[in-house]
N, C-alpha and C. Protein backbone atom coordinates (compact mmCIF):
# COMPACT_ATOMS: atom_id res chain seq x y z
N MET A 1 -28.95 -20.18 13.84
CA MET A 1 -30.16 -19.85 14.40
C MET A 1 -29.80 -18.07 15.15
N ILE A 2 -28.26 -18.12 15.66
CA ILE A 2 -28.30 -16.74 16.19
C ILE A 2 -28.03 -15.54 14.89
N ALA A 3 -27.39 -16.21 13.80
CA ALA A 3 -27.50 -15.39 13.07
C ALA A 3 -28.74 -14.34 12.39
N GLY A 4 -29.82 -15.44 12.55
CA GLY A 4 -31.34 -15.19 12.41
C GLY A 4 -31.92 -14.28 13.26
N ILE A 5 -31.81 -14.46 14.57
CA ILE A 5 -32.01 -13.69 15.64
C ILE A 5 -31.24 -12.19 15.26
N THR A 6 -30.15 -12.22 15.15
CA THR A 6 -29.37 -11.21 15.35
C THR A 6 -29.61 -10.21 14.20
N PHE A 7 -30.21 -10.83 12.72
CA PHE A 7 -30.70 -10.08 12.11
C PHE A 7 -32.25 -9.19 11.91
N ILE A 8 -33.25 -9.91 13.23
CA ILE A 8 -34.48 -9.90 13.01
C ILE A 8 -34.15 -8.65 14.06
N VAL A 9 -33.29 -8.36 15.55
CA VAL A 9 -33.33 -7.60 16.11
C VAL A 9 -32.36 -6.56 15.50
N ALA A 10 -31.57 -6.47 14.72
CA ALA A 10 -30.85 -5.46 14.21
C ALA A 10 -32.43 -4.92 13.26
N GLY A 11 -33.17 -5.48 12.38
CA GLY A 11 -34.24 -4.63 11.57
C GLY A 11 -35.02 -4.18 12.41
N VAL A 12 -35.34 -4.63 13.75
CA VAL A 12 -36.55 -3.99 14.28
C VAL A 12 -35.91 -3.29 15.12
N LEU A 13 -34.31 -2.64 15.33
CA LEU A 13 -34.14 -1.70 15.90
C LEU A 13 -34.08 -0.40 14.50
N ILE A 14 -33.27 -0.99 13.69
CA ILE A 14 -33.29 -0.13 12.29
C ILE A 14 -34.72 0.62 12.21
N ALA A 15 -36.10 -0.12 12.44
CA ALA A 15 -36.98 0.26 12.17
C ALA A 15 -37.65 1.16 13.21
N VAL A 16 -37.11 1.33 14.13
CA VAL A 16 -37.21 2.23 15.50
C VAL A 16 -36.57 3.20 15.31
N TYR A 17 -34.92 2.97 14.95
CA TYR A 17 -34.00 4.22 14.95
C TYR A 17 -33.69 4.72 13.64
N PRO A 18 -33.93 4.87 13.11
CA PRO A 18 -33.88 5.41 11.17
C PRO A 18 -32.32 5.68 10.77
N GLN A 19 -31.49 6.46 11.99
CA GLN A 19 -30.43 6.85 12.07
C GLN A 19 -29.04 5.87 12.19
N LEU A 20 -29.70 4.90 12.73
CA LEU A 20 -28.65 3.62 12.98
C LEU A 20 -28.39 2.91 11.73
N LEU A 21 -29.27 3.07 10.65
CA LEU A 21 -28.89 3.09 9.43
C LEU A 21 -27.48 3.83 8.81
N SER A 22 -27.40 4.79 9.01
CA SER A 22 -26.75 5.59 8.51
C SER A 22 -25.37 5.47 9.10
N LEU A 23 -25.73 5.19 10.59
CA LEU A 23 -24.42 4.43 11.43
C LEU A 23 -23.40 3.48 10.57
N ILE A 24 -24.85 2.18 10.38
CA ILE A 24 -24.05 1.33 10.07
C ILE A 24 -23.56 1.11 8.94
N VAL A 25 -24.27 2.01 7.79
CA VAL A 25 -22.89 2.13 6.43
C VAL A 25 -21.80 2.93 6.29
N ALA A 26 -22.07 3.52 7.07
CA ALA A 26 -21.01 4.73 7.39
C ALA A 26 -19.81 3.75 7.77
N PHE A 27 -20.37 2.80 9.04
CA PHE A 27 -18.98 1.75 10.09
C PHE A 27 -18.72 1.18 8.43
N LEU A 28 -19.54 0.57 7.93
CA LEU A 28 -19.09 -0.67 6.86
C LEU A 28 -17.99 0.04 5.65
N LEU A 29 -18.30 1.63 5.05
CA LEU A 29 -17.40 1.99 4.74
C LEU A 29 -16.49 2.02 5.08
N ILE A 30 -16.30 2.68 6.42
CA ILE A 30 -15.14 2.65 6.63
C ILE A 30 -14.16 1.16 6.95
N MET A 31 -14.70 0.23 7.58
CA MET A 31 -14.15 -0.80 7.34
C MET A 31 -13.58 -1.40 6.05
N ILE A 32 -14.14 -1.17 5.11
CA ILE A 32 -13.91 -1.62 3.61
C ILE A 32 -12.99 -0.90 3.29
N GLY A 33 -12.82 0.78 3.60
CA GLY A 33 -11.84 1.47 3.57
C GLY A 33 -10.27 1.08 3.91
N THR A 34 -10.07 0.46 5.12
CA THR A 34 -9.83 -0.01 5.88
C THR A 34 -8.76 -1.15 5.36
N PHE A 35 -9.83 -1.84 4.72
CA PHE A 35 -9.42 -3.15 4.60
C PHE A 35 -8.58 -3.04 3.15
N PHE A 36 -9.18 -2.40 1.97
CA PHE A 36 -8.26 -1.80 1.13
C PHE A 36 -6.97 -1.19 1.19
N ILE A 37 -6.91 -0.05 2.24
CA ILE A 37 -5.69 0.07 2.66
C ILE A 37 -4.58 -0.98 3.04
N ALA A 38 -5.04 -1.51 3.66
CA ALA A 38 -4.17 -3.03 4.43
C ALA A 38 -4.20 -3.51 3.28
N LEU A 39 -5.05 -4.07 2.47
CA LEU A 39 -4.32 -5.04 1.19
C LEU A 39 -3.39 -4.58 0.21
N ASN A 40 -3.37 -3.31 -0.24
CA ASN A 40 -2.49 -2.62 -0.80
C ASN A 40 -1.09 -2.25 0.46
N SER A 41 -0.80 -2.05 1.04
CA SER A 41 0.34 -2.01 2.33
C SER A 41 0.80 -3.55 1.80
N TYR A 42 0.11 -4.35 2.27
CA TYR A 42 0.68 -6.14 2.06
C TYR A 42 1.18 -6.27 0.75
N TYR A 43 0.54 -5.86 0.04
CA TYR A 43 0.42 -6.24 -1.62
C TYR A 43 1.53 -5.22 -2.18
N ARG A 44 2.28 -4.24 -1.70
CA ARG A 44 3.39 -3.25 -1.61
C ARG A 44 4.78 -3.97 -0.86
N ARG A 45 4.54 -4.50 -0.01
CA ARG A 45 5.47 -4.58 0.93
C ARG A 45 5.64 -6.39 0.40
N SER A 46 4.89 -6.94 -0.13
CA SER A 46 5.12 -8.23 -0.74
C SER A 46 5.89 -8.23 -2.24
N GLN A 47 5.65 -7.19 -2.94
CA GLN A 47 6.03 -6.58 -4.17
C GLN A 47 7.32 -6.44 -4.21
N ARG A 48 8.08 -6.01 -2.85
CA ARG A 48 9.46 -5.48 -2.72
C ARG A 48 10.41 -6.36 -2.17
N GLN A 49 9.71 -7.31 -1.38
CA GLN A 49 10.18 -8.73 -0.54
C GLN A 49 10.49 -9.54 -1.93
N PHE A 50 9.47 -9.64 -2.87
CA PHE A 50 9.86 -10.88 -3.93
C PHE A 50 9.80 -9.70 -5.00
N ASP A 51 11.18 -9.91 -5.45
CA ASP A 51 11.49 -8.91 -6.82
C ASP A 51 11.82 -10.07 -7.53
N ASP A 52 11.16 -11.23 -7.93
CA ASP A 52 11.23 -12.12 -8.65
C ASP A 52 10.23 -11.92 -9.75
N PRO A 53 10.21 -12.17 -11.32
CA PRO A 53 9.57 -12.14 -12.26
C PRO A 53 8.40 -13.02 -12.17
N PHE A 54 8.65 -14.39 -11.61
CA PHE A 54 7.74 -15.54 -11.66
C PHE A 54 6.85 -15.15 -10.11
N MET A 55 7.16 -14.64 -8.74
CA MET A 55 6.38 -14.24 -7.78
C MET A 55 5.47 -13.12 -8.81
N ARG A 56 6.25 -12.04 -9.18
CA ARG A 56 5.51 -11.07 -9.46
C ARG A 56 4.29 -11.24 -10.70
N PHE A 57 4.29 -12.58 -10.99
CA PHE A 57 3.21 -13.04 -11.86
C PHE A 57 2.17 -13.20 -11.47
N PHE A 58 2.48 -13.47 -9.84
CA PHE A 58 1.16 -14.08 -9.07
C PHE A 58 0.72 -13.52 -8.15
N PHE A 59 1.56 -12.62 -7.70
CA PHE A 59 0.90 -11.59 -6.68
C PHE A 59 0.40 -10.37 -7.89
N ARG A 60 0.38 -10.24 -8.69
CA ARG A 60 -0.28 -9.73 -9.34
C ARG A 60 -1.72 -9.24 -9.37
N LEU A 61 -2.21 -8.20 -8.72
CA LEU A 61 -3.79 -8.05 -8.84
C LEU A 61 -4.50 -7.74 -9.93
């Protein structure tokens, strides 16, 4: 129920302030980029830590 109310309020705010939509999209793109950078660093670290072919098979993306 709280999620539905949040979406309704966000929709009303975007209708009133259209520039808010561009800020939300920019924020999401920044967070997705940060996630991919963190995922890549974790993958590189685990690849150096597990130099076993068996582990490399399971951690390969």
